[in-house]
Amino acid sequence: LRLSCTAGGTFGSIDDMGWYRQAPGKQRELVAGIRSG
């Protein structure tokens, strides 16, 4: 599967983006992140 996310609004470039997930009964966890460079 492929997930996509788009941020809209009046702001500049974003350097820190990521994906989290939360399964039933569990805490939200970081799946993947991508940063500047």
Full PDB file with SEQRES, HELIX, SHEET, SSBOND, CRYST1, ORIGX, SCALE, CONECT and MASTER records, all heavy atoms in Angstrom:
SEQRES   1 A   37  LEU ARG LEU SER CYS THR ALA GLY GLY THR PHE GLY SER          
SEQRES   2 A   37  ILE ASP ASP MET GLY TRP TYR ARG GLN ALA PRO GLY LYS          
SEQRES   3 A   37  GLN ARG GLU LEU VAL ALA GLY ILE ARG SER GLY                  
SHEET    1 AA1 2 MET A  17  ARG A  21  0                                        
SHEET    2 AA1 2 GLU A  29  ILE A  34 -1                                        
CRYST1    1.000    1.000    1.000  90.00  90.00  90.00 P 1           1          
ORIGX1      1.000000  0.000000  0.000000        0.00000                         
ORIGX2      0.000000  1.000000  0.000000        0.00000                         
ORIGX3      0.000000  0.000000  1.000000        0.00000                         
SCALE1      1.000000  0.000000  0.000000        0.00000                         
SCALE2      0.000000  1.000000  0.000000        0.00000                         
SCALE3      0.000000  0.000000  1.000000        0.00000                         
ATOM      1  N   LEU A   1       0.853  -1.183   0.000  1.00  0.00           N  
ATOM      2  CA  LEU A   1       0.000   0.000   0.000  1.00  0.00           C  
ATOM      3  C   LEU A   1       0.892   1.238   0.000  1.00  0.00           C  
ATOM      4  O   LEU A   1       2.047   1.184   0.453  1.00  0.00           O  
ATOM      5  CB  LEU A   1      -0.903   0.045   1.235  1.00  0.00           C  
ATOM      6  CG  LEU A   1      -2.101  -0.889   1.296  1.00  0.00           C  
ATOM      7  CD1 LEU A   1      -2.756  -0.825   2.675  1.00  0.00           C  
ATOM      8  CD2 LEU A   1      -3.106  -0.545   0.214  1.00  0.00           C  
ATOM      9  N   ARG A   2       0.332   2.334  -0.461  1.00  0.00           N  
ATOM     10  CA  ARG A   2       1.065   3.599  -0.475  1.00  0.00           C  
ATOM     11  C   ARG A   2       0.198   4.669   0.170  1.00  0.00           C  
ATOM     12  O   ARG A   2      -0.965   4.853  -0.219  1.00  0.00           O  
ATOM     13  CB  ARG A   2       1.415   4.000  -1.902  1.00  0.00           C  
ATOM     14  CG  ARG A   2       2.226   5.279  -2.029  1.00  0.00           C  
ATOM     15  CD  ARG A   2       2.529   5.547  -3.499  1.00  0.00           C  
ATOM     16  NE  ARG A   2       3.256   6.769  -3.739  1.00  0.00           N  
ATOM     17  CZ  ARG A   2       4.575   6.864  -3.728  1.00  0.00           C  
ATOM     18  NH1 ARG A   2       5.313   5.803  -3.453  1.00  0.00           N  
ATOM     19  NH2 ARG A   2       5.171   8.023  -3.963  1.00  0.00           N  
ATOM     20  N   LEU A   3       0.768   5.351   1.144  1.00  0.00           N  
ATOM     21  CA  LEU A   3       0.094   6.462   1.799  1.00  0.00           C  
ATOM     22  C   LEU A   3       0.729   7.763   1.336  1.00  0.00           C  
ATOM     23  O   LEU A   3       1.945   7.823   1.124  1.00  0.00           O  
ATOM     24  CB  LEU A   3       0.222   6.343   3.317  1.00  0.00           C  
ATOM     25  CG  LEU A   3      -0.226   5.025   3.963  1.00  0.00           C  
ATOM     26  CD1 LEU A   3      -0.039   5.101   5.481  1.00  0.00           C  
ATOM     27  CD2 LEU A   3      -1.659   4.713   3.614  1.00  0.00           C  
ATOM     28  N   SER A   4      -0.099   8.782   1.210  1.00  0.00           N  
ATOM     29  CA  SER A   4       0.396  10.096   0.831  1.00  0.00           C  
ATOM     30  C   SER A   4      -0.163  11.142   1.779  1.00  0.00           C  
ATOM     31  O   SER A   4      -1.275  10.989   2.314  1.00  0.00           O  
ATOM     32  CB  SER A   4      -0.001  10.437  -0.602  1.00  0.00           C  
ATOM     33  OG  SER A   4       0.632   9.585  -1.524  1.00  0.00           O  
ATOM     34  N   CYS A   5       0.590  12.195   1.956  1.00  0.00           N  
ATOM     35  CA  CYS A   5       0.166  13.289   2.827  1.00  0.00           C  
ATOM     36  C   CYS A   5       0.584  14.602   2.193  1.00  0.00           C  
ATOM     37  O   CYS A   5       1.710  14.728   1.704  1.00  0.00           O  
ATOM     38  CB  CYS A   5       0.805  13.125   4.204  1.00  0.00           C  
ATOM     39  SG  CYS A   5       0.190  14.267   5.445  1.00  0.00           S  
ATOM     40  N   THR A   6      -0.314  15.560   2.219  1.00  0.00           N  
ATOM     41  CA  THR A   6      -0.023  16.887   1.684  1.00  0.00           C  
ATOM     42  C   THR A   6      -0.389  17.929   2.722  1.00  0.00           C  
ATOM     43  O   THR A   6      -1.487  17.883   3.299  1.00  0.00           O  
ATOM     44  CB  THR A   6      -0.809  17.150   0.397  1.00  0.00           C  
ATOM     45  OG1 THR A   6      -0.496  16.144  -0.565  1.00  0.00           O  
ATOM     46  CG2 THR A   6      -0.448  18.516  -0.172  1.00  0.00           C  
ATOM     47  N   ALA A   7       0.531  18.832   2.939  1.00  0.00           N  
ATOM     48  CA  ALA A   7       0.292  19.930   3.872  1.00  0.00           C  
ATOM     49  C   ALA A   7       0.008  21.193   3.090  1.00  0.00           C  
ATOM     50  O   ALA A   7       0.789  21.577   2.217  1.00  0.00           O  
ATOM     51  CB  ALA A   7       1.495  20.122   4.776  1.00  0.00           C  
ATOM     52  N   GLY A   8      -1.115  21.815   3.394  1.00  0.00           N  
ATOM     53  CA  GLY A   8      -1.488  23.043   2.714  1.00  0.00           C  
ATOM     54  C   GLY A   8      -1.641  24.179   3.698  1.00  0.00           C  
ATOM     55  O   GLY A   8      -1.993  23.971   4.852  1.00  0.00           O  
ATOM     56  N   GLY A   9      -1.382  25.377   3.209  1.00  0.00           N  
ATOM     57  CA  GLY A   9      -1.494  26.540   4.071  1.00  0.00           C  
ATOM     58  C   GLY A   9      -0.373  27.513   3.781  1.00  0.00           C  
ATOM     59  O   GLY A   9       0.482  27.264   2.936  1.00  0.00           O  
ATOM     60  N   THR A  10      -0.380  28.564   4.509  1.00  0.00           N  
ATOM     61  CA  THR A  10       0.604  29.611   4.291  1.00  0.00           C  
ATOM     62  C   THR A  10       1.785  29.405   5.221  1.00  0.00           C  
ATOM     63  O   THR A  10       1.774  29.843   6.367  1.00  0.00           O  
ATOM     64  CB  THR A  10      -0.021  31.000   4.519  1.00  0.00           C  
ATOM     65  OG1 THR A  10      -1.177  31.123   3.718  1.00  0.00           O  
ATOM     66  CG2 THR A  10       0.985  32.078   4.182  1.00  0.00           C  
ATOM     67  N   PHE A  11       2.756  28.675   4.748  1.00  0.00           N  
ATOM     68  CA  PHE A  11       3.987  28.492   5.507  1.00  0.00           C  
ATOM     69  C   PHE A  11       5.078  28.099   4.536  1.00  0.00           C  
ATOM     70  O   PHE A  11       4.819  27.800   3.373  1.00  0.00           O  
ATOM     71  CB  PHE A  11       3.823  27.435   6.607  1.00  0.00           C  
ATOM     72  CG  PHE A  11       3.236  26.139   6.143  1.00  0.00           C  
ATOM     73  CD1 PHE A  11       4.015  25.142   5.587  1.00  0.00           C  
ATOM     74  CD2 PHE A  11       1.867  25.902   6.272  1.00  0.00           C  
ATOM     75  CE1 PHE A  11       3.461  23.957   5.150  1.00  0.00           C  
ATOM     76  CE2 PHE A  11       1.305  24.722   5.833  1.00  0.00           C  
ATOM     77  CZ  PHE A  11       2.111  23.749   5.271  1.00  0.00           C  
ATOM     78  N   GLY A  12       6.300  28.075   5.010  1.00  0.00           N  
ATOM     79  CA  GLY A  12       7.431  27.758   4.159  1.00  0.00           C  
ATOM     80  C   GLY A  12       7.659  26.270   4.053  1.00  0.00           C  
ATOM     81  O   GLY A  12       6.780  25.465   4.365  1.00  0.00           O  
ATOM     82  N   SER A  13       8.849  25.916   3.615  1.00  0.00           N  
ATOM     83  CA  SER A  13       9.181  24.502   3.440  1.00  0.00           C  
ATOM     84  C   SER A  13       9.241  23.796   4.794  1.00  0.00           C  
ATOM     85  O   SER A  13       9.656  24.369   5.793  1.00  0.00           O  
ATOM     86  CB  SER A  13      10.519  24.371   2.728  1.00  0.00           C  
ATOM     87  OG  SER A  13      10.460  24.922   1.436  1.00  0.00           O  
ATOM     88  N   ILE A  14       8.834  22.568   4.770  1.00  0.00           N  
ATOM     89  CA  ILE A  14       8.822  21.757   5.988  1.00  0.00           C  
ATOM     90  C   ILE A  14      10.045  20.856   5.985  1.00  0.00           C  
ATOM     91  O   ILE A  14      10.335  20.200   4.986  1.00  0.00           O  
ATOM     92  CB  ILE A  14       7.557  20.896   6.037  1.00  0.00           C  
ATOM     93  CG1 ILE A  14       6.315  21.782   5.973  1.00  0.00           C  
ATOM     94  CG2 ILE A  14       7.542  20.045   7.303  1.00  0.00           C  
ATOM     95  CD1 ILE A  14       5.043  21.013   5.751  1.00  0.00           C  
ATOM     96  N   ASP A  15      10.753  20.818   7.086  1.00  0.00           N  
ATOM     97  CA  ASP A  15      11.964  20.014   7.161  1.00  0.00           C  
ATOM     98  C   ASP A  15      11.772  18.670   7.854  1.00  0.00           C  
ATOM     99  O   ASP A  15      12.598  17.788   7.707  1.00  0.00           O  
ATOM    100  CB  ASP A  15      13.060  20.779   7.905  1.00  0.00           C  
ATOM    101  CG  ASP A  15      13.598  21.926   7.083  1.00  0.00           C  
ATOM    102  OD1 ASP A  15      13.566  21.824   5.843  1.00  0.00           O  
ATOM    103  OD2 ASP A  15      14.032  22.926   7.674  1.00  0.00           O  
ATOM    104  N   ASP A  16      10.746  18.535   8.639  1.00  0.00           N  
ATOM    105  CA  ASP A  16      10.593  17.354   9.481  1.00  0.00           C  
ATOM    106  C   ASP A  16       9.216  16.751   9.224  1.00  0.00           C  
ATOM    107  O   ASP A  16       8.213  17.288   9.677  1.00  0.00           O  
ATOM    108  CB  ASP A  16      10.750  17.749  10.949  1.00  0.00           C  
ATOM    109  CG  ASP A  16      10.862  16.544  11.868  1.00  0.00           C  
ATOM    110  OD1 ASP A  16      10.386  15.454  11.487  1.00  0.00           O  
ATOM    111  OD2 ASP A  16      11.421  16.679  12.968  1.00  0.00           O  
ATOM    112  N   MET A  17       9.195  15.635   8.514  1.00  0.00           N  
ATOM    113  CA  MET A  17       7.950  14.969   8.158  1.00  0.00           C  
ATOM    114  C   MET A  17       8.007  13.529   8.619  1.00  0.00           C  
ATOM    115  O   MET A  17       9.093  12.935   8.707  1.00  0.00           O  
ATOM    116  CB  MET A  17       7.746  14.986   6.641  1.00  0.00           C  
ATOM    117  CG  MET A  17       7.792  16.352   6.017  1.00  0.00           C  
ATOM    118  SD  MET A  17       8.017  16.214   4.219  1.00  0.00           S  
ATOM    119  CE  MET A  17       7.664  17.891   3.702  1.00  0.00           C  
ATOM    120  N   GLY A  18       6.859  12.958   8.883  1.00  0.00           N  
ATOM    121  CA  GLY A  18       6.888  11.580   9.324  1.00  0.00           C  
ATOM    122  C   GLY A  18       5.548  10.895   9.248  1.00  0.00           C  
ATOM    123  O   GLY A  18       4.531  11.505   8.899  1.00  0.00           O  
ATOM    124  N   TRP A  19       5.586   9.619   9.561  1.00  0.00           N  
ATOM    125  CA  TRP A  19       4.393   8.787   9.644  1.00  0.00           C  
ATOM    126  C   TRP A  19       4.400   8.056  10.981  1.00  0.00           C  
ATOM    127  O   TRP A  19       5.432   7.505  11.392  1.00  0.00           O  
ATOM    128  CB  TRP A  19       4.352   7.766   8.506  1.00  0.00           C  
ATOM    129  CG  TRP A  19       4.093   8.377   7.175  1.00  0.00           C  
ATOM    130  CD1 TRP A  19       5.009   8.791   6.258  1.00  0.00           C  
ATOM    131  CD2 TRP A  19       2.812   8.655   6.609  1.00  0.00           C  
ATOM    132  NE1 TRP A  19       4.379   9.311   5.171  1.00  0.00           N  
ATOM    133  CE2 TRP A  19       3.027   9.241   5.350  1.00  0.00           C  
ATOM    134  CE3 TRP A  19       1.496   8.474   7.042  1.00  0.00           C  
ATOM    135  CZ2 TRP A  19       1.981   9.641   4.523  1.00  0.00           C  
ATOM    136  CZ3 TRP A  19       0.464   8.863   6.224  1.00  0.00           C  
ATOM    137  CH2 TRP A  19       0.708   9.441   4.974  1.00  0.00           C  
ATOM    138  N   TYR A  20       3.259   8.052  11.623  1.00  0.00           N  
ATOM    139  CA  TYR A  20       3.062   7.340  12.872  1.00  0.00           C  
ATOM    140  C   TYR A  20       1.907   6.364  12.688  1.00  0.00           C  
ATOM    141  O   TYR A  20       1.132   6.481  11.734  1.00  0.00           O  
ATOM    142  CB  TYR A  20       2.717   8.309  14.011  1.00  0.00           C  
ATOM    143  CG  TYR A  20       3.830   9.210  14.446  1.00  0.00           C  
ATOM    144  CD1 TYR A  20       4.288  10.250  13.636  1.00  0.00           C  
ATOM    145  CD2 TYR A  20       4.450   9.036  15.688  1.00  0.00           C  
ATOM    146  CE1 TYR A  20       5.318  11.077  14.043  1.00  0.00           C  
ATOM    147  CE2 TYR A  20       5.473   9.863  16.110  1.00  0.00           C  
ATOM    148  CZ  TYR A  20       5.894  10.885  15.279  1.00  0.00           C  
ATOM    149  OH  TYR A  20       6.921  11.703  15.693  1.00  0.00           O  
ATOM    150  N   ARG A  21       1.804   5.425  13.603  1.00  0.00           N  
ATOM    151  CA  ARG A  21       0.661   4.530  13.579  1.00  0.00           C  
ATOM    152  C   ARG A  21       0.224   4.194  15.001  1.00  0.00           C  
ATOM    153  O   ARG A  21       1.027   4.255  15.936  1.00  0.00           O  
ATOM    154  CB  ARG A  21       0.968   3.247  12.807  1.00  0.00           C  
ATOM    155  CG  ARG A  21       1.992   2.332  13.456  1.00  0.00           C  
ATOM    156  CD  ARG A  21       2.314   1.155  12.529  1.00  0.00           C  
ATOM    157  NE  ARG A  21       3.301   0.247  13.130  1.00  0.00           N  
ATOM    158  CZ  ARG A  21       3.857  -0.764  12.465  1.00  0.00           C  
ATOM    159  NH1 ARG A  21       3.532  -0.991  11.183  1.00  0.00           N  
ATOM    160  NH2 ARG A  21       4.727  -1.532  13.073  1.00  0.00           N  
ATOM    161  N   GLN A  22      -1.036   3.841  15.106  1.00  0.00           N  
ATOM    162  CA  GLN A  22      -1.589   3.459  16.397  1.00  0.00           C  
ATOM    163  C   GLN A  22      -2.512   2.276  16.207  1.00  0.00           C  
ATOM    164  O   GLN A  22      -3.523   2.382  15.508  1.00  0.00           O  
ATOM    165  CB  GLN A  22      -2.335   4.619  17.050  1.00  0.00           C  
ATOM    166  CG  GLN A  22      -2.764   4.330  18.473  1.00  0.00           C  
ATOM    167  CD  GLN A  22      -3.189   5.583  19.215  1.00  0.00           C  
ATOM    168  OE1 GLN A  22      -3.481   6.621  18.614  1.00  0.00           O  
ATOM    169  NE2 GLN A  22      -3.213   5.503  20.532  1.00  0.00           N  
ATOM    170  N   ALA A  23      -2.132   1.171  16.816  1.00  0.00           N  
ATOM    171  CA  ALA A  23      -2.956  -0.033  16.789  1.00  0.00           C  
ATOM    172  C   ALA A  23      -3.877  -0.029  18.007  1.00  0.00           C  
ATOM    173  O   ALA A  23      -3.576   0.621  19.012  1.00  0.00           O  
ATOM    174  CB  ALA A  23      -2.069  -1.272  16.781  1.00  0.00           C  
ATOM    175  N   PRO A  24      -4.973  -0.759  17.955  1.00  0.00           N  
ATOM    176  CA  PRO A  24      -5.902  -0.797  19.095  1.00  0.00           C  
ATOM    177  C   PRO A  24      -5.207  -1.227  20.385  1.00  0.00           C  
ATOM    178  O   PRO A  24      -4.482  -2.223  20.396  1.00  0.00           O  
ATOM    179  CB  PRO A  24      -6.943  -1.830  18.663  1.00  0.00           C  
ATOM    180  CG  PRO A  24      -6.917  -1.790  17.180  1.00  0.00           C  
ATOM    181  CD  PRO A  24      -5.486  -1.533  16.808  1.00  0.00           C  
ATOM    182  N   GLY A  25      -5.398  -0.454  21.426  1.00  0.00           N  
ATOM    183  CA  GLY A  25      -4.812  -0.782  22.715  1.00  0.00           C  
ATOM    184  C   GLY A  25      -3.341  -0.467  22.850  1.00  0.00           C  
ATOM    185  O   GLY A  25      -2.736  -0.783  23.880  1.00  0.00           O  
ATOM    186  N   LYS A  26      -2.768   0.158  21.832  1.00  0.00           N  
ATOM    187  CA  LYS A  26      -1.342   0.474  21.883  1.00  0.00           C  
ATOM    188  C   LYS A  26      -1.112   1.968  21.739  1.00  0.00           C  
ATOM    189  O   LYS A  26      -1.984   2.700  21.274  1.00  0.00           O  
ATOM    190  CB  LYS A  26      -0.594  -0.285  20.781  1.00  0.00           C  
ATOM    191  CG  LYS A  26      -0.605  -1.789  20.950  1.00  0.00           C  
ATOM    192  CD  LYS A  26       0.281  -2.460  19.927  1.00  0.00           C  
ATOM    193  CE  LYS A  26       0.327  -3.963  20.122  1.00  0.00           C  
ATOM    194  NZ  LYS A  26       1.224  -4.626  19.133  1.00  0.00           N  
ATOM    195  N   GLN A  27       0.079   2.400  22.122  1.00  0.00           N  
ATOM    196  CA  GLN A  27       0.429   3.805  21.968  1.00  0.00           C  
ATOM    197  C   GLN A  27       0.798   4.113  20.526  1.00  0.00           C  
ATOM    198  O   GLN A  27       1.227   3.240  19.775  1.00  0.00           O  
ATOM    199  CB  GLN A  27       1.609   4.139  22.897  1.00  0.00           C  
ATOM    200  CG  GLN A  27       1.264   4.143  24.375  1.00  0.00           C  
ATOM    201  CD  GLN A  27       2.393   4.680  25.226  1.00  0.00           C  
ATOM    202  OE1 GLN A  27       3.563   4.587  24.858  1.00  0.00           O  
ATOM    203  NE2 GLN A  27       2.058   5.256  26.363  1.00  0.00           N  
ATOM    204  N   ARG A  28       0.649   5.365  20.175  1.00  0.00           N  
ATOM    205  CA  ARG A  28       1.061   5.808  18.854  1.00  0.00           C  
ATOM    206  C   ARG A  28       2.583   5.703  18.775  1.00  0.00           C  
ATOM    207  O   ARG A  28       3.299   6.102  19.705  1.00  0.00           O  
ATOM    208  CB  ARG A  28       0.608   7.234  18.606  1.00  0.00           C  
ATOM    209  CG  ARG A  28       0.775   7.711  17.171  1.00  0.00           C  
ATOM    210  CD  ARG A  28       0.121   9.063  16.956  1.00  0.00           C  
ATOM    211  NE  ARG A  28      -1.321   9.022  17.168  1.00  0.00           N  
ATOM    212  CZ  ARG A  28      -2.133  10.037  16.891  1.00  0.00           C  
ATOM    213  NH1 ARG A  28      -1.639  11.154  16.400  1.00  0.00           N  
ATOM    214  NH2 ARG A  28      -3.422   9.929  17.116  1.00  0.00           N  
ATOM    215  N   GLU A  29       3.073   5.195  17.650  1.00  0.00           N  
ATOM    216  CA  GLU A  29       4.511   5.015  17.492  1.00  0.00           C  
ATOM    217  C   GLU A  29       4.982   5.596  16.163  1.00  0.00           C  
ATOM    218  O   GLU A  29       4.234   5.606  15.178  1.00  0.00           O  
ATOM    219  CB  GLU A  29       4.888   3.531  17.564  1.00  0.00           C  
ATOM    220  CG  GLU A  29       4.290   2.678  16.466  1.00  0.00           C  
ATOM    221  CD  GLU A  29       4.793   1.250  16.460  1.00  0.00           C  
ATOM    222  OE1 GLU A  29       5.713   0.916  17.236  1.00  0.00           O  
ATOM    223  OE2 GLU A  29       4.271   0.444  15.648  1.00  0.00           O  
ATOM    224  N   LEU A  30       6.235   6.035  16.158  1.00  0.00           N  
ATOM    225  CA  LEU A  30       6.831   6.527  14.934  1.00  0.00           C  
ATOM    226  C   LEU A  30       7.144   5.358  14.020  1.00  0.00           C  
ATOM    227  O   LEU A  30       7.779   4.386  14.436  1.00  0.00           O  
ATOM    228  CB  LEU A  30       8.112   7.294  15.242  1.00  0.00           C  
ATOM    229  CG  LEU A  30       8.913   7.774  14.035  1.00  0.00           C  
ATOM    230  CD1 LEU A  30       8.132   8.842  13.265  1.00  0.00           C  
ATOM    231  CD2 LEU A  30      10.267   8.317  14.464  1.00  0.00           C  
ATOM    232  N   VAL A  31       6.713   5.451  12.784  1.00  0.00           N  
ATOM    233  CA  VAL A  31       7.001   4.431  11.774  1.00  0.00           C  
ATOM    234  C   VAL A  31       8.202   4.850  10.937  1.00  0.00           C  
ATOM    235  O   VAL A  31       9.133   4.061  10.730  1.00  0.00           O  
ATOM    236  CB  VAL A  31       5.781   4.203  10.868  1.00  0.00           C  
ATOM    237  CG1 VAL A  31       6.106   3.206   9.762  1.00  0.00           C  
ATOM    238  CG2 VAL A  31       4.583   3.735  11.689  1.00  0.00           C  
ATOM    239  N   ALA A  32       8.184   6.074  10.440  1.00  0.00           N  
ATOM    240  CA  ALA A  32       9.257   6.555   9.582  1.00  0.00           C  
ATOM    241  C   ALA A  32       9.289   8.073   9.626  1.00  0.00           C  
ATOM    242  O   ALA A  32       8.252   8.718   9.755  1.00  0.00           O  
ATOM    243  CB  ALA A  32       9.078   6.072   8.145  1.00  0.00           C  
ATOM    244  N   GLY A  33      10.505   8.617   9.499  1.00  0.00           N  
ATOM    245  CA  GLY A  33      10.659  10.062   9.464  1.00  0.00           C  
ATOM    246  C   GLY A  33      11.669  10.456   8.400  1.00  0.00           C  
ATOM    247  O   GLY A  33      12.552   9.668   8.036  1.00  0.00           O  
ATOM    248  N   ILE A  34      11.511  11.685   7.903  1.00  0.00           N  
ATOM    249  CA  ILE A  34      12.455  12.205   6.927  1.00  0.00           C  
ATOM    250  C   ILE A  34      12.703  13.667   7.233  1.00  0.00           C  
ATOM    251  O   ILE A  34      11.758  14.421   7.518  1.00  0.00           O  
ATOM    252  CB  ILE A  34      11.959  11.996   5.478  1.00  0.00           C  
ATOM    253  CG1 ILE A  34      13.029  12.408   4.467  1.00  0.00           C  
ATOM    254  CG2 ILE A  34      10.645  12.712   5.233  1.00  0.00           C  
ATOM    255  CD1 ILE A  34      12.739  11.900   3.058  1.00  0.00           C  
ATOM    256  N   ARG A  35      13.960  14.056   7.217  1.00  0.00           N  
ATOM    257  CA  ARG A  35      14.339  15.394   7.637  1.00  0.00           C  
ATOM    258  C   ARG A  35      15.182  16.077   6.583  1.00  0.00           C  
ATOM    259  O   ARG A  35      15.419  15.522   5.506  1.00  0.00           O  
ATOM    260  CB  ARG A  35      15.060  15.322   8.979  1.00  0.00           C  
ATOM    261  CG  ARG A  35      14.127  14.924  10.101  1.00  0.00           C  
ATOM    262  CD  ARG A  35      14.847  14.577  11.391  1.00  0.00           C  
ATOM    263  NE  ARG A  35      13.901  14.230  12.440  1.00  0.00           N  
ATOM    264  CZ  ARG A  35      13.283  13.063  12.524  1.00  0.00           C  
ATOM    265  NH1 ARG A  35      13.508  12.125  11.643  1.00  0.00           N  
ATOM    266  NH2 ARG A  35      12.437  12.829  13.511  1.00  0.00           N  
ATOM    267  N   SER A  36      15.637  17.271   6.902  1.00  0.00           N  
ATOM    268  CA  SER A  36      16.429  18.051   5.960  1.00  0.00           C  
ATOM    269  C   SER A  36      17.622  17.237   5.494  1.00  0.00           C  
ATOM    270  O   SER A  36      18.219  16.479   6.250  1.00  0.00           O  
ATOM    271  CB  SER A  36      16.895  19.345   6.619  1.00  0.00           C  
ATOM    272  OG  SER A  36      17.664  19.075   7.767  1.00  0.00           O  
ATOM    273  N   GLY A  37      17.917  17.378   4.219  1.00  0.00           N  
ATOM    274  CA  GLY A  37      18.993  16.603   3.623  1.00  0.00           C  
ATOM    275  C   GLY A  37      18.579  15.204   3.228  1.00  0.00           C  
ATOM    276  O   GLY A  37      19.390  14.434   2.715  1.00  0.00           O  
TER     277      GLY A  37                                                      
MASTER        0    0    0    0    2    0    0    6  276    1    0    3          
END                                                                             
